[in-house]
C-alpha atoms as a PDB file:
ATOM      1  CA  MET A   1      -0.016   0.326  -0.079  1.00  0.00           C
ATOM      2  CA  ARG A   2       1.189   3.505  -0.494  1.00  0.00           C
ATOM      3  CA  CYS A   3       1.316   6.374   2.151  1.00  0.00           C
ATOM      4  CA  PRO A   4      -0.066  10.216   1.659  1.00  0.00           C
ATOM      5  CA  GLN A   5       2.994  11.109   0.167  1.00  0.00           C
ATOM      6  CA  GLY A   6       3.065   8.020  -2.296  1.00  0.00           C
ATOM      7  CA  HIS A   7       5.644   5.701  -1.258  1.00  0.00           C
ATOM      8  CA  GLN A   8       5.149   2.302  -1.208  1.00  0.00           C
ATOM      9  CA  SER A   9       5.089   0.549   1.780  1.00  0.00           C
ATOM     10  CA  ALA A  10       4.777  -2.922   3.408  1.00  0.00           C
ATOM     11  CA  ALA A  11       3.686  -1.579   6.799  1.00  0.00           C
ATOM     12  CA  THR A  12      -0.002  -0.888   7.697  1.00  0.00           C
ATOM     13  CA  ASP A  13       0.843   1.476  10.610  1.00  0.00           C
ATOM     14  CA  TYR A  14       3.414   3.936   9.276  1.00  0.00           C
ATOM     15  CA  CYS A  15       5.377   4.330   6.014  1.00  0.00           C
ATOM     16  CA  ASP A  16       8.726   2.294   5.616  1.00  0.00           C
ATOM     17  CA  VAL A  17      10.223   5.458   3.866  1.00  0.00           C
ATOM     18  CA  CYS A  18       8.918   8.508   5.186  1.00  0.00           C
ATOM     19  CA  GLY A  19       7.554   7.467   8.617  1.00  0.00           C
ATOM     20  CA  SER A  20       3.748   9.221   7.535  1.00  0.00           C
ATOM     21  CA  PRO A  21       0.854   7.350   9.583  1.00  0.00           C
ATOM     22  CA  MET A  22      -0.935   4.974   6.836  1.00  0.00           C
ATOM     23  CA  VAL A  23      -4.375   4.662   9.046  1.00  0.00           C
ATOM     24  CA  ALA A  24      -6.357   7.190   6.343  1.00  0.00           C
ATOM     25  CA  VAL A  25      -4.691   6.091   3.362  1.00  0.00           C
ATOM     26  CA  SER A  26      -5.577   2.959   1.547  1.00  0.00           C
ATOM     27  CA  SER A  27      -4.284   2.212  -2.206  1.00  0.00           C
ATOM     28  CA  PRO A  28      -6.481   2.257  -5.206  1.00  0.00           C
ATOM     29  CA  GLU A  29      -5.733  -0.984  -5.583  1.00  0.00           C
ATOM     30  CA  SER A  30      -7.249  -2.028  -2.150  1.00  0.00           C
ATOM     31  CA  THR A  31     -10.449  -0.076  -2.042  1.00  0.00           C
ATOM     32  CA  PRO A  32     -13.160  -2.121  -2.977  1.00  0.00           C
ATOM     33  CA  ALA A  33     -15.745  -0.934  -5.990  1.00  0.00           C
ATOM     34  CA  PRO A  34     -19.479  -0.041  -4.932  1.00  0.00           C
ATOM     35  CA  PRO A  35     -22.160  -2.343  -5.874  1.00  0.00           C
ATOM     36  CA  PRO A  36     -23.947  -1.951  -9.133  1.00  0.00           C
ATOM     37  CA  ALA A  37     -27.213  -0.623  -8.789  1.00  0.00           C
ATOM     38  CA  PRO A  38     -29.763  -3.386  -9.355  1.00  0.00           C
ATOM     39  CA  GLU A  39     -31.918  -3.483 -12.564  1.00  0.00           C
ATOM     40  CA  PRO A  40     -35.528  -1.906 -12.150  1.00  0.00           C
ATOM     41  CA  LEU A  41     -38.122  -4.773 -12.276  1.00  0.00           C
ATOM     42  CA  ALA A  42     -40.076  -4.871 -15.229  1.00  0.00           C
ATOM     43  CA  GLY A  43     -43.599  -2.638 -14.579  1.00  0.00           C
ATOM     44  CA  ALA A  44     -42.304  -1.140 -11.592  1.00  0.00           C
ATOM     45  CA  PRO A  45     -43.259   2.737 -11.499  1.00  0.00           C
ATOM     46  CA  LYS A  46     -40.239   5.121 -12.022  1.00  0.00           C
ATOM     47  CA  SER A  47     -39.392   8.222  -9.960  1.00  0.00           C
ATOM     48  CA  ALA A  48     -41.148  11.046 -10.168  1.00  0.00           C
ATOM     49  CA  ALA A  49     -37.702  12.844 -10.903  1.00  0.00           C
ATOM     50  CA  SER A  50     -37.134  10.458 -13.774  1.00  0.00           C
ATOM     51  CA  LYS A  51     -40.564  10.736 -15.077  1.00  0.00           C
ATOM     52  CA  ALA A  52     -40.385  14.643 -15.426  1.00  0.00           C
ATOM     53  CA  ASP A  53     -37.081  14.537 -16.967  1.00  0.00           C
ATOM     54  CA  ALA A  54     -38.678  11.895 -19.309  1.00  0.00           C
ATOM     55  CA  ALA A  55     -42.177  13.668 -20.110  1.00  0.00           C
ATOM     56  CA  PRO A  56     -42.199  16.215 -23.157  1.00  0.00           C
ATOM     57  CA  PRO A  57     -43.584  19.223 -22.631  1.00  0.00           C
ATOM     58  CA  GLN A  58     -47.186  20.094 -23.020  1.00  0.00           C
ATOM     59  CA  THR A  59     -48.921  22.182 -25.899  1.00  0.00           C
ATOM     60  CA  CYS A  60     -51.626  24.892 -24.698  1.00  0.00           C
ATOM     61  CA  PRO A  61     -54.851  23.913 -26.226  1.00  0.00           C
ATOM     62  CA  ASN A  62     -55.705  27.790 -26.327  1.00  0.00           C
ATOM     63  CA  CYS A  63     -52.478  29.653 -27.335  1.00  0.00           C
ATOM     64  CA  GLY A  64     -50.868  26.878 -28.691  1.00  0.00           C
ATOM     65  CA  GLY A  65     -47.705  27.315 -26.349  1.00  0.00           C
ATOM     66  CA  SER A  66     -45.565  25.262 -24.887  1.00  0.00           C
ATOM     67  CA  SER A  67     -45.290  24.764 -21.228  1.00  0.00           C
ATOM     68  CA  PRO A  68     -43.445  21.630 -18.759  1.00  0.00           C
ATOM     69  CA  ALA A  69     -44.924  18.694 -18.576  1.00  0.00           C
ATOM     70  CA  ASP A  70     -45.631  19.179 -14.648  1.00  0.00           C
ATOM     71  CA  ALA A  71     -47.242  23.331 -15.188  1.00  0.00           C
ATOM     72  CA  LEU A  72     -50.220  23.844 -13.881  1.00  0.00           C
ATOM     73  CA  PHE A  73     -51.065  26.954 -15.812  1.00  0.00           C
ATOM     74  CA  CYS A  74     -50.034  28.067 -19.659  1.00  0.00           C
ATOM     75  CA  GLU A  75     -46.997  30.463 -19.082  1.00  0.00           C
ATOM     76  CA  ALA A  76     -48.410  32.353 -22.288  1.00  0.00           C
ATOM     77  CA  CYS A  77     -52.234  32.880 -21.478  1.00  0.00           C
ATOM     78  CA  GLY A  78     -52.757  31.305 -17.991  1.00  0.00           C
ATOM     79  CA  TYR A  79     -55.022  28.312 -19.080  1.00  0.00           C
ATOM     80  CA  ASP A  80     -55.745  26.280 -16.538  1.00  0.00           C
ATOM     81  CA  PHE A  81     -54.011  22.742 -17.713  1.00  0.00           C
ATOM     82  CA  THR A  82     -55.886  20.615 -14.257  1.00  0.00           C
ATOM     83  CA  THR A  83     -59.467  22.020 -14.827  1.00  0.00           C
ATOM     84  CA  GLY A  84     -59.463  23.310 -18.182  1.00  0.00           C
ATOM     85  CA  VAL A  85     -60.768  26.701 -17.425  1.00  0.00           C
ATOM     86  CA  MET A  86     -60.277  29.448 -20.342  1.00  0.00           C
ATOM     87  CA  PRO A  87     -57.853  32.751 -19.140  1.00  0.00           C
ATOM     88  CA  ARG A  88     -59.946  35.504 -18.281  1.00  0.00           C
ATOM     89  CA  PRO A  89     -60.344  37.772 -21.521  1.00  0.00           C
ATOM     90  CA  VAL A  90     -58.627  41.304 -21.372  1.00  0.00           C
ATOM     91  CA  ALA A  91     -60.461  44.491 -22.818  1.00  0.00           C
ATOM     92  CA  LEU A  92     -58.501  46.180 -24.895  1.00  0.00           C
ATOM     93  CA  THR A  93     -58.981  50.410 -25.354  1.00  0.00           C
ATOM     94  CA  ASP A  94     -61.103  49.677 -28.753  1.00  0.00           C
ATOM     95  CA  GLY A  95     -63.798  47.693 -27.093  1.00  0.00           C
ATOM     96  CA  THR A  96     -62.318  44.109 -28.287  1.00  0.00           C
ATOM     97  CA  PHE A  97     -61.225  41.007 -26.066  1.00  0.00           C
ATOM     98  CA  ILE A  98     -58.287  38.646 -26.443  1.00  0.00           C
ATOM     99  CA  GLY A  99     -57.993  35.570 -24.463  1.00  0.00           C
ATOM    100  CA  GLY A 100     -59.474  32.713 -26.953  1.00  0.00           C
ATOM    101  CA  PRO A 101     -60.787  31.940 -29.630  1.00  0.00           C
ATOM    102  CA  PRO A 102     -64.915  33.083 -29.883  1.00  0.00           C
ATOM    103  CA  ALA A 103     -67.157  30.696 -28.216  1.00  0.00           C
ATOM    104  CA  ALA A 104     -70.264  29.750 -30.081  1.00  0.00           C
ATOM    105  CA  PRO A 105     -73.635  30.712 -28.604  1.00  0.00           C
ATOM    106  CA  THR A 106     -75.784  28.021 -27.245  1.00  0.00           C
ATOM    107  CA  PRO A 107     -79.163  27.205 -29.293  1.00  0.00           C
ATOM    108  CA  ALA A 108     -80.858  29.016 -26.444  1.00  0.00           C
ATOM    109  CA  GLU A 109     -78.737  32.249 -27.384  1.00  0.00           C
ATOM    110  CA  ALA A 110     -78.811  31.558 -31.054  1.00  0.00           C
ATOM    111  CA  GLU A 111     -82.890  31.757 -30.692  1.00  0.00           C
ATOM    112  CA  ALA A 112     -82.979  34.441 -28.470  1.00  0.00           C
ATOM    113  CA  GLU A 113     -80.772  36.665 -31.024  1.00  0.00           C
ATOM    114  CA  ALA A 114     -82.831  35.452 -33.756  1.00  0.00           C
ATOM    115  CA  GLU A 115     -86.003  36.380 -32.213  1.00  0.00           C
ATOM    116  CA  ALA A 116     -84.683  39.974 -31.047  1.00  0.00           C
ATOM    117  CA  ALA A 117     -83.394  40.463 -34.728  1.00  0.00           C
ATOM    118  CA  GLU A 118     -86.875  40.408 -36.246  1.00  0.00           C
ATOM    119  CA  PRO A 119     -88.551  43.635 -37.238  1.00  0.00           C
ATOM    120  CA  GLU A 120     -91.830  43.845 -36.385  1.00  0.00           C
ATOM    121  CA  SER A 121     -94.696  43.578 -38.635  1.00  0.00           C
ATOM    122  CA  GLY A 122     -97.073  46.105 -37.595  1.00  0.00           C
ATOM    123  CA  GLU A 123     -95.032  49.277 -38.378  1.00  0.00           C
ATOM    124  CA  ALA A 124     -96.362  51.716 -40.868  1.00  0.00           C
ATOM    125  CA  GLU A 125     -93.718  54.220 -41.110  1.00  0.00           C
ATOM    126  CA  SER A 126     -89.918  53.345 -42.533  1.00  0.00           C
ATOM    127  CA  GLY A 127     -88.535  55.216 -39.978  1.00  0.00           C
ATOM    128  CA  GLU A 128     -90.400  53.043 -37.321  1.00  0.00           C
ATOM    129  CA  ALA A 129     -88.516  49.923 -39.292  1.00  0.00           C
ATOM    130  CA  GLU A 130     -85.474  51.719 -38.647  1.00  0.00           C
ATOM    131  CA  SER A 131     -85.626  52.250 -35.031  1.00  0.00           C
ATOM    132  CA  GLY A 132     -86.942  48.823 -34.297  1.00  0.00           C
ATOM    133  CA  GLU A 133     -83.951  46.976 -36.213  1.00  0.00           C
ATOM    134  CA  ALA A 134     -81.859  49.401 -34.018  1.00  0.00           C
ATOM    135  CA  GLU A 135     -83.196  48.261 -31.127  1.00  0.00           C
ATOM    136  CA  SER A 136     -83.141  44.606 -31.878  1.00  0.00           C
ATOM    137  CA  GLY A 137     -79.202  44.847 -32.824  1.00  0.00           C
ATOM    138  CA  GLU A 138     -78.791  46.255 -29.183  1.00  0.00           C
ATOM    139  CA  ALA A 139     -80.631  43.158 -27.615  1.00  0.00           C
ATOM    140  CA  ALA A 140     -78.873  40.839 -29.925  1.00  0.00           C
ATOM    141  CA  ASP A 141     -75.466  42.098 -28.645  1.00  0.00           C
ATOM    142  CA  ASP A 142     -76.800  42.136 -24.763  1.00  0.00           C
ATOM    143  CA  ALA A 143     -77.725  38.460 -25.285  1.00  0.00           C
ATOM    144  CA  GLY A 144     -74.249  37.701 -26.745  1.00  0.00           C
ATOM    145  CA  SER A 145     -72.496  39.278 -23.927  1.00  0.00           C
ATOM    146  CA  SER A 146     -74.393  37.065 -21.371  1.00  0.00           C
ATOM    147  CA  ALA A 147     -72.362  34.385 -22.620  1.00  0.00           C
ATOM    148  CA  ALA A 148     -70.099  31.889 -19.916  1.00  0.00           C
ATOM    149  CA  ALA A 149     -67.224  31.594 -22.388  1.00  0.00           C
ATOM    150  CA  PRO A 150     -65.678  34.878 -23.373  1.00  0.00           C
ATOM    151  CA  ARG A 151     -66.007  35.867 -27.089  1.00  0.00           C
ATOM    152  CA  GLY A 152     -63.052  36.735 -29.186  1.00  0.00           C
ATOM    153  CA  VAL A 153     -62.416  39.889 -31.856  1.00  0.00           C
ATOM    154  CA  ALA A 154     -64.833  38.576 -34.511  1.00  0.00           C
ATOM    155  CA  GLU A 155     -67.897  37.379 -33.073  1.00  0.00           C
ATOM    156  CA  PRO A 156     -69.946  34.923 -35.319  1.00  0.00           C
ATOM    157  CA  SER A 157     -73.638  36.366 -36.036  1.00  0.00           C
ATOM    158  CA  ALA A 158     -76.635  33.648 -34.469  1.00  0.00           C
ATOM    159  CA  ALA A 159     -77.807  32.918 -37.771  1.00  0.00           C
ATOM    160  CA  GLU A 160     -74.248  31.559 -38.962  1.00  0.00           C
ATOM    161  CA  HIS A 161     -74.592  29.203 -35.934  1.00  0.00           C
ATOM    162  CA  SER A 162     -78.333  28.402 -35.820  1.00  0.00           C
ATOM    163  CA  GLY A 163     -79.329  28.213 -39.839  1.00  0.00           C
ATOM    164  CA  ILE A 164     -81.471  30.825 -39.370  1.00  0.00           C
ATOM    165  CA  ASP A 165     -82.002  33.086 -42.483  1.00  0.00           C
ATOM    166  CA  ALA A 166     -81.057  36.562 -41.629  1.00  0.00           C
ATOM    167  CA  PRO A 167     -84.122  39.162 -41.490  1.00  0.00           C
ATOM    168  CA  SER A 168     -85.191  40.457 -44.255  1.00  0.00           C
ATOM    169  CA  LEU A 169     -85.625  44.479 -45.585  1.00  0.00           C
ATOM    170  CA  SER A 170     -88.476  43.290 -48.112  1.00  0.00           C
ATOM    171  CA  THR A 171     -90.848  44.473 -45.366  1.00  0.00           C
ATOM    172  CA  ALA A 172     -89.694  48.266 -45.802  1.00  0.00           C
ATOM    173  CA  SER A 173     -88.672  47.760 -49.180  1.00  0.00           C
ATOM    174  CA  LYS A 174     -92.207  46.872 -49.980  1.00  0.00           C
ATOM    175  CA  ARG A 175     -94.045  49.781 -48.641  1.00  0.00           C
ATOM    176  CA  MET A 176     -95.338  52.261 -50.998  1.00  0.00           C
ATOM    177  CA  ALA A 177     -92.811  55.621 -52.102  1.00  0.00           C
ATOM    178  CA  TYR A 178     -94.905  58.457 -51.958  1.00  0.00           C
ATOM    179  CA  ARG A 179     -93.764  60.852 -55.006  1.00  0.00           C
ATOM    180  CA  PRO A 180     -92.535  64.262 -53.836  1.00  0.00           C
ATOM    181  CA  PRO A 181     -93.922  66.984 -55.476  1.00  0.00           C
ATOM    182  CA  SER A 182     -92.153  67.758 -58.516  1.00  0.00           C
ATOM    183  CA  ARG A 183     -92.204  71.214 -58.783  1.00  0.00           C
ATOM    184  CA  THR A 184     -91.274  74.122 -56.201  1.00  0.00           C
ATOM    185  CA  SER A 185     -94.017  76.175 -54.417  1.00  0.00           C
ATOM    186  CA  ALA A 186     -94.758  79.469 -56.060  1.00  0.00           C
ATOM    187  CA  LYS A 187     -97.268  81.991 -55.725  1.00  0.00           C
ATOM    188  CA  GLU A 188     -97.596  82.865 -59.523  1.00  0.00           C
ATOM    189  CA  TRP A 189     -97.259  80.503 -62.753  1.00  0.00           C
ATOM    190  CA  VAL A 190     -97.295  81.089 -66.150  1.00  0.00           C
ATOM    191  CA  VAL A 191     -97.951  79.255 -69.499  1.00  0.00           C
ATOM    192  CA  GLU A 192     -95.626  79.636 -72.754  1.00  0.00           C
ATOM    193  CA  ILE A 193     -97.480  79.200 -76.077  1.00  0.00           C
ATOM    194  CA  TRP A 194     -94.940  78.147 -78.360  1.00  0.00           C
ATOM    195  CA  ILE A 195     -94.628  77.130 -82.369  1.00  0.00           C
ATOM    196  CA  ASP A 196     -92.815  73.873 -82.738  1.00  0.00           C
ATOM    197  CA  PRO A 197     -91.674  72.648 -86.065  1.00  0.00           C
ATOM    198  CA  ASP A 198     -90.661  69.321 -84.987  1.00  0.00           C
ATOM    199  CA  TRP A 199     -93.910  68.905 -83.675  1.00  0.00           C
ATOM    200  CA  TYR A 200     -95.647  70.013 -87.269  1.00  0.00           C
ATOM    201  CA  ALA A 201     -93.106  67.834 -89.033  1.00  0.00           C
ATOM    202  CA  GLY A 202     -95.160  64.940 -87.744  1.00  0.00           C
ATOM    203  CA  GLN A 203     -98.891  65.980 -87.779  1.00  0.00           C
ATOM    204  CA  SER A 204     -99.176  65.302 -91.651  1.00  0.00           C
ATOM    205  CA  SER A 205    -101.265  68.967 -91.234  1.00  0.00           C
ATOM    206  CA  PRO A 206    -102.456  70.315 -94.481  1.00  0.00           C
ATOM    207  CA  GLU A 207    -102.082  74.063 -93.426  1.00  0.00           C
ATOM    208  CA  PRO A 208     -98.911  75.707 -93.604  1.00  0.00           C
ATOM    209  CA  CYS A 209     -96.603  75.958 -90.337  1.00  0.00           C
ATOM    210  CA  PRO A 210     -96.554  79.767 -89.228  1.00  0.00           C
ATOM    211  CA  SER A 211     -93.095  80.813 -88.646  1.00  0.00           C
ATOM    212  CA  PRO A 212     -91.519  79.920 -85.070  1.00  0.00           C
ATOM    213  CA  GLY A 213     -90.871  83.406 -82.693  1.00  0.00           C
ATOM    214  CA  VAL A 214     -90.683  84.401 -79.273  1.00  0.00           C
ATOM    215  CA  PRO A 215     -93.445  82.450 -77.293  1.00  0.00           C
ATOM    216  CA  GLU A 216     -96.659  83.910 -75.904  1.00  0.00           C
ATOM    217  CA  ILE A 217     -96.644  84.111 -71.717  1.00  0.00           C
ATOM    218  CA  VAL A 218    -100.377  84.061 -70.497  1.00  0.00           C
ATOM    219  CA  PRO A 219    -100.495  83.826 -66.558  1.00  0.00           C
ATOM    220  CA  LEU A 220    -102.297  81.019 -64.956  1.00  0.00           C
ATOM    221  CA  ARG A 221    -104.418  80.837 -61.757  1.00  0.00           C
ATOM    222  CA  ASP A 222    -106.200  77.899 -60.309  1.00  0.00           C
ATOM    223  CA  GLY A 223    -106.864  76.252 -63.809  1.00  0.00           C
ATOM    224  CA  ALA A 224    -106.847  77.018 -67.208  1.00  0.00           C
ATOM    225  CA  LEU A 225    -108.622  76.024 -70.467  1.00  0.00           C
ATOM    226  CA  VAL A 226    -106.983  74.829 -73.521  1.00  0.00           C
ATOM    227  CA  GLY A 227    -108.502  75.383 -76.693  1.00  0.00           C
ATOM    228  CA  ARG A 228    -109.756  78.176 -79.533  1.00  0.00           C
ATOM    229  CA  PRO A 229    -112.340  80.511 -78.800  1.00  0.00           C
ATOM    230  CA  SER A 230    -116.136  80.313 -80.233  1.00  0.00           C
ATOM    231  CA  ALA A 231    -118.419  83.050 -79.699  1.00  0.00           C
ATOM    232  CA  SER A 232    -121.473  80.683 -80.531  1.00  0.00           C
ATOM    233  CA  ARG A 233    -120.872  78.442 -78.368  1.00  0.00           C
ATOM    234  CA  ASN A 234    -119.494  80.862 -75.600  1.00  0.00           C
ATOM    235  CA  ILE A 235    -116.064  79.357 -75.306  1.00  0.00           C
ATOM    236  CA  ARG A 236    -113.346  81.761 -73.931  1.00  0.00           C
ATOM    237  CA  PRO A 237    -110.126  79.696 -72.977  1.00  0.00           C
ATOM    238  CA  GLU A 238    -107.891  81.011 -71.076  1.00  0.00           C
ATOM    239  CA  ILE A 239    -104.921  79.345 -73.064  1.00  0.00           C
ATOM    240  CA  ASP A 240    -105.884  80.178 -76.701  1.00  0.00           C
ATOM    241  CA  ALA A 241    -103.781  78.329 -79.635  1.00  0.00           C
ATOM    242  CA  GLY A 242    -105.152  80.921 -82.037  1.00  0.00           C
ATOM    243  CA  SER A 243    -104.664  79.762 -85.397  1.00  0.00           C
ATOM    244  CA  ASP A 244    -103.953  76.545 -84.990  1.00  0.00           C
ATOM    245  CA  THR A 245    -107.296  74.644 -86.215  1.00  0.00           C
ATOM    246  CA  GLY A 246    -105.689  71.147 -85.104  1.00  0.00           C
ATOM    247  CA  VAL A 247    -106.734  72.229 -81.413  1.00  0.00           C
ATOM    248  CA  SER A 248    -110.093  71.922 -80.597  1.00  0.00           C
ATOM    249  CA  ARG A 249    -112.745  74.228 -78.987  1.00  0.00           C
ATOM    250  CA  ARG A 250    -112.087  72.457 -75.536  1.00  0.00           C
ATOM    251  CA  GLN A 251    -109.332  70.775 -76.134  1.00  0.00           C
ATOM    252  CA  ALA A 252    -107.522  70.015 -72.439  1.00  0.00           C
ATOM    253  CA  LEU A 253    -107.629  71.682 -69.036  1.00  0.00           C
ATOM    254  CA  LEU A 254    -104.775  72.609 -66.470  1.00  0.00           C
ATOM    255  CA  THR A 255    -105.329  72.114 -62.907  1.00  0.00           C
ATOM    256  CA  THR A 256    -103.365  72.925 -59.918  1.00  0.00           C
ATOM    257  CA  ASP A 257    -102.812  72.546 -55.883  1.00  0.00           C
ATOM    258  CA  GLY A 258    -100.415  75.381 -56.021  1.00  0.00           C
ATOM    259  CA  ARG A 259     -97.308  73.152 -56.352  1.00  0.00           C
ATOM    260  CA  ARG A 260     -98.108  70.541 -58.666  1.00  0.00           C
ATOM    261  CA  TRP A 261    -100.011  70.790 -62.129  1.00  0.00           C
ATOM    262  CA  TRP A 262    -102.008  68.062 -63.897  1.00  0.00           C
ATOM    263  CA  VAL A 263    -103.405  68.066 -67.720  1.00  0.00           C
ATOM    264  CA  GLU A 264    -106.393  66.290 -68.686  1.00  0.00           C
ATOM    265  CA  ASP A 265    -107.903  65.891 -72.143  1.00  0.00           C
ATOM    266  CA  LEU A 266    -111.407  66.669 -73.119  1.00  0.00           C
ATOM    267  CA  ASP A 267    -112.244  64.572 -75.855  1.00  0.00           C
ATOM    268  CA  SER A 268    -110.461  66.563 -78.239  1.00  0.00           C
ATOM    269  CA  ALA A 269    -110.506  65.295 -81.867  1.00  0.00           C
ATOM    270  CA  ASN A 270    -106.335  65.064 -82.144  1.00  0.00           C
ATOM    271  CA  GLY A 271    -105.710  64.069 -78.805  1.00  0.00           C
ATOM    272  CA  THR A 272    -103.325  65.845 -76.234  1.00  0.00           C
ATOM    273  CA  TYR A 273     -99.798  64.248 -75.475  1.00  0.00           C
ATOM    274  CA  VAL A 274     -97.188  64.759 -72.933  1.00  0.00           C
ATOM    275  CA  GLY A 275     -93.179  64.400 -72.936  1.00  0.00           C
ATOM    276  CA  PRO A 276     -90.187  65.107 -71.560  1.00  0.00           C
ATOM    277  CA  ALA A 277     -88.371  68.265 -73.237  1.00  0.00           C
ATOM    278  CA  SER A 278     -85.344  65.962 -74.343  1.00  0.00           C
ATOM    279  CA  GLY A 279     -85.481  62.926 -76.368  1.00  0.00           C
ATOM    280  CA  SER A 280     -87.775  61.743 -78.894  1.00  0.00           C
ATOM    281  CA  LEU A 281     -91.620  63.422 -79.152  1.00  0.00           C
ATOM    282  CA  PRO A 282     -94.274  61.742 -77.521  1.00  0.00           C
ATOM    283  CA  GLU A 283     -96.195  59.320 -79.754  1.00  0.00           C
ATOM    284  CA  ASP A 284     -99.354  58.039 -77.580  1.00  0.00           C
ATOM    285  CA  PRO A 285    -101.644  60.883 -76.608  1.00  0.00           C
ATOM    286  CA  ILE A 286    -102.783  60.624 -72.631  1.00  0.00           C
ATOM    287  CA  THR A 287    -105.986  58.672 -71.526  1.00  0.00           C
ATOM    288  CA  SER A 288    -106.370  60.009 -68.499  1.00  0.00           C
ATOM    289  CA  LYS A 289    -105.451  63.105 -65.663  1.00  0.00           C
ATOM    290  CA  VAL A 290    -101.358  63.199 -65.978  1.00  0.00           C
ATOM    291  CA  GLU A 291     -99.023  65.115 -63.937  1.00  0.00           C
ATOM    292  CA  VAL A 292     -96.944  67.688 -65.967  1.00  0.00           C
ATOM    293  CA  ASP A 293     -93.019  67.777 -64.600  1.00  0.00           C
ATOM    294  CA  ALA A 294     -90.979  70.177 -64.153  1.00  0.00           C
ATOM    295  CA  ASP A 295     -89.512  69.435 -67.534  1.00  0.00           C
ATOM    296  CA  ASP A 296     -92.428  68.119 -69.367  1.00  0.00           C
ATOM    297  CA  ARG A 297     -93.591  69.585 -72.454  1.00  0.00           C
ATOM    298  CA  ILE A 298     -97.606  69.498 -73.833  1.00  0.00           C
ATOM    299  CA  TYR A 299     -98.226  69.084 -77.454  1.00  0.00           C
ATOM    300  CA  VAL A 300    -101.898  69.992 -78.885  1.00  0.00           C
ATOM    301  CA  GLY A 301    -102.790  70.573 -82.192  1.00  0.00           C
ATOM    302  CA  ALA A 302    -100.549  70.652 -85.791  1.00  0.00           C
ATOM    303  CA  TRP A 303     -97.752  72.988 -84.223  1.00  0.00           C
ATOM    304  CA  THR A 304     -98.675  74.139 -80.512  1.00  0.00           C
ATOM    305  CA  ARG A 305     -96.521  73.566 -77.492  1.00  0.00           C
ATOM    306  CA  LEU A 306     -97.397  74.629 -74.152  1.00  0.00           C
ATOM    307  CA  VAL A 307     -94.410  74.789 -71.358  1.00  0.00           C
ATOM    308  CA  VAL A 308     -96.080  75.318 -67.625  1.00  0.00           C
ATOM    309  CA  ARG A 309     -93.450  77.179 -64.925  1.00  0.00           C
ATOM    310  CA  PRO A 310     -93.289  79.680 -62.242  1.00  0.00           C
ATOM    311  CA  ALA A 311     -93.394  83.168 -63.058  1.00  0.00           C
ATOM    312  CA  THR A 312     -90.520  85.067 -63.152  1.00  0.00           C
ATOM    313  CA  PRO A 313     -89.998  88.965 -62.206  1.00  0.00           C
ATOM    314  CA  SER A 314     -90.116  90.147 -65.871  1.00  0.00           C
ATOM    315  CA  ASP A 315     -93.392  88.081 -66.041  1.00  0.00           C
ATOM    316  CA  ARG A 316     -95.056  89.639 -63.361  1.00  0.00           C
ATOM    317  CA  ALA A 317     -93.929  93.013 -64.438  1.00  0.00           C
ATOM    318  CA  SER A 318     -95.448  92.670 -68.205  1.00  0.00           C
ATOM    319  CA  SER A 319     -98.570  91.231 -66.645  1.00  0.00           C
ATOM    320  CA  SER A 320     -98.957  94.294 -64.380  1.00  0.00           C
ATOM    321  CA  ASP A 321     -98.381  96.459 -67.641  1.00  0.00           C
ATOM    322  CA  ARG A 322    -101.325  94.657 -69.725  1.00  0.00           C
ATOM    323  CA  THR A 323    -103.767  95.005 -66.617  1.00  0.00           C
END
């Protein structure tokens, strides 16, 4: 055996070379090797430490993050691996939430949202329909916010989950749309009497067309008769077609409510026509009382064209001079 100084000694108490005590020192050859660890039996449970080292990390089902196998909560989002409870959503400044995917509403919630979104059938005005839709939208939001599971940024509608079609707006669209007055209110009105060569070209009249010039302007009151005068029949029309023999004695009648004007044919011989100022000339005579729009023109006889419009200051001045 060797002494602490490294000398080989035959004595076991003191070194034969240097005299150092040999009690606490033994040679490597004399030191017995430790017994080998016993092999684990088949089926025997491993220790907790070896199990933790061998287990792979677990993946969070909420955010997809990786956590140690023995972790109780997800280190990224706080998901509880033991109970499966989703993390509490965190409100952002814009009103949205983070912390989990959107949860589908239950069938009871979907039915409540669908019923709240249906418009009332007894509405009479479109304004009431719009207010009803706004109220139903608020009710649907309240119903959606009461779900136990938190909702994500994009919340699916109840109709997508329940298969219920979204409420149609056909009820409001089918309501009658009243046509607004086609003219502005005016205190005084006039009618222009024109000679129209284009209208004359399509009438095949045997009489020659007079030379066109400036129109004759006639003031209008509550109504006016269009025609040609007849002393024997005591007919004095307010709108005199003059020498146009294609105009009947009692051709048509103009009436107004102060804002709009209508024309009605009085069973004339050649008919009364109404058409727009631009485009082709009218081909079919009117058969009933027709509203005269702001850009409409009235055609009678062989060459007469009438235009109804509000009176201008110069028209009023000319009318006062004649009176």
